[in-house]
Amino acid sequence: MAGAAPVVSQREGLDGVARVYGDVAVRRGAWTLRAGIPTAVVLVRLFPLWRRNVALLASAFVVLALLCMVIAWQTALNLNRLRSAAQRIADGDLSPPRGGATPNLEFAQLQEAFSTMADHLRDARDALDRQMEQERKMNEALQSLRRQVVRQERLAAVGLFVSGVAHEMNNPLQAILGTAELLERQPGVGPETLEAIQFIKTQSGRAREIIRNLSRFSSQQSSTPALIDLRDVIAEVVQLRKRELDLAVIALDVQATSCRKVYANFTELEQVTLNFVMNAQQSVEGSRSRGRILIRLLDSGKRVRLEVLDNGPGVKAEDEPKLFQPFFTTKPVGQGTGLGLSVSYGIIESYGGAIGYHGNEWGGATFFFELPAGEAGDDTSDDRPVVLHGSL
């Protein structure tokens, strides 16, 4: 029987034919068993095996290459999607990235991390926007308070000054008026002298009115407020100005949609409204179109708002910041003291209200004031019909 593993070798035989030999030593004898197969036969037998193995290797290579291409394509697709999301975030678009199928867990986690980052950045931006908006409002409120403080200090200083001036001028003015009246009653006074005395009395009366306004401006103290219906204030002002408006052919309308009352002094609110109406009248008297004035009363949140609109030329932009300053007027010399709006400002401010100006759709001016409405428990309701008055 054969013993050890055969030894394979390739050589030519005695007949000159190349063979593949296998030598095996026999264990029970001192001889060797040798078998040989021609090399050509071996090659013929092995060729189909080689061809099959080569085909398998080629197929495996092609499949592996295709698999690598698919994996690379999916990887590139997901990377491009993440790159686009990162570019949108860099451009300021913090909307949530569009989700999609991912080839593996790692890409899914990376996509989720991008979405979380975008959410956090969006929340941070919104918080920053809110903070900036709050800071803007705080700055505006601070500027408004600063302007009010400056205005109040200026008014206080001017008020202190004009109070002394009004007090010192009142006594000699009364003496002038008294003397003029005594001269007027003297017998034998000629027409020219009477005309001069009348001129003195007229100018003294105007000076007395200026002093009265100065005294009112310097004090700016309200009497005890009461529950006031602004419709009654409007009705009183309309009654006072009706005749002059009719003579000037100026239409006056009233629209009152609010029935709530306010705490104030009736005479002071009448003075403010009358100032608005007189300013509106003087504004439209010089216009080419037919004069029109509208008094409007309406609710404005927790306040009651009164507006006086006109179709005059309005107020110049450079004059708007000075409207409520003392002694500022756009009227011709001798027709205004410049204290009406500043006094009105002090009255409304003393009741915790707001006063202001803006243009209107007619191209004219709208002066308004707002006052806090009476408490809910007060008798602020009234079933009277809405006031509507027209004057042609």
Foldseek 3Di string as FASTA:
>chain_A
DFDDFWDWDWDADPVRFIWIKTWTQDPVDGDIDIDIDGPVVVCVVCVVVVVVVVVVVVVVVVVVVVVVVVVVVLVVVLVVLVVVLVVCVVVPNLDARDDDDHPDDVSVVVSVVSRVVSVVVVVVVVVVVVVVVVVVVVVVVVVVVVVVVVQVVVLQVLLVVLQVVLVVPPVVLVVQLVVLVVVCPDPPDDPVSVVVSVVSNVVSVVVNVVSVLSNLSSVLDFDFWDWDFVVVLVVVLCVVCQVVCLVLQAKEKEWEPFQFTFTGDSVLVSLLVNLLVVVQVVQCSPDPDHKYWYWYWDDDVQKIKIKIWILGQADDPVCFVVLQPFQDDPDDPPPDRRRSNVSNQSRLVVQVKDWGKDADPSNYIMTMIIHGTDDPPDPRDDPDDTDIDIHD
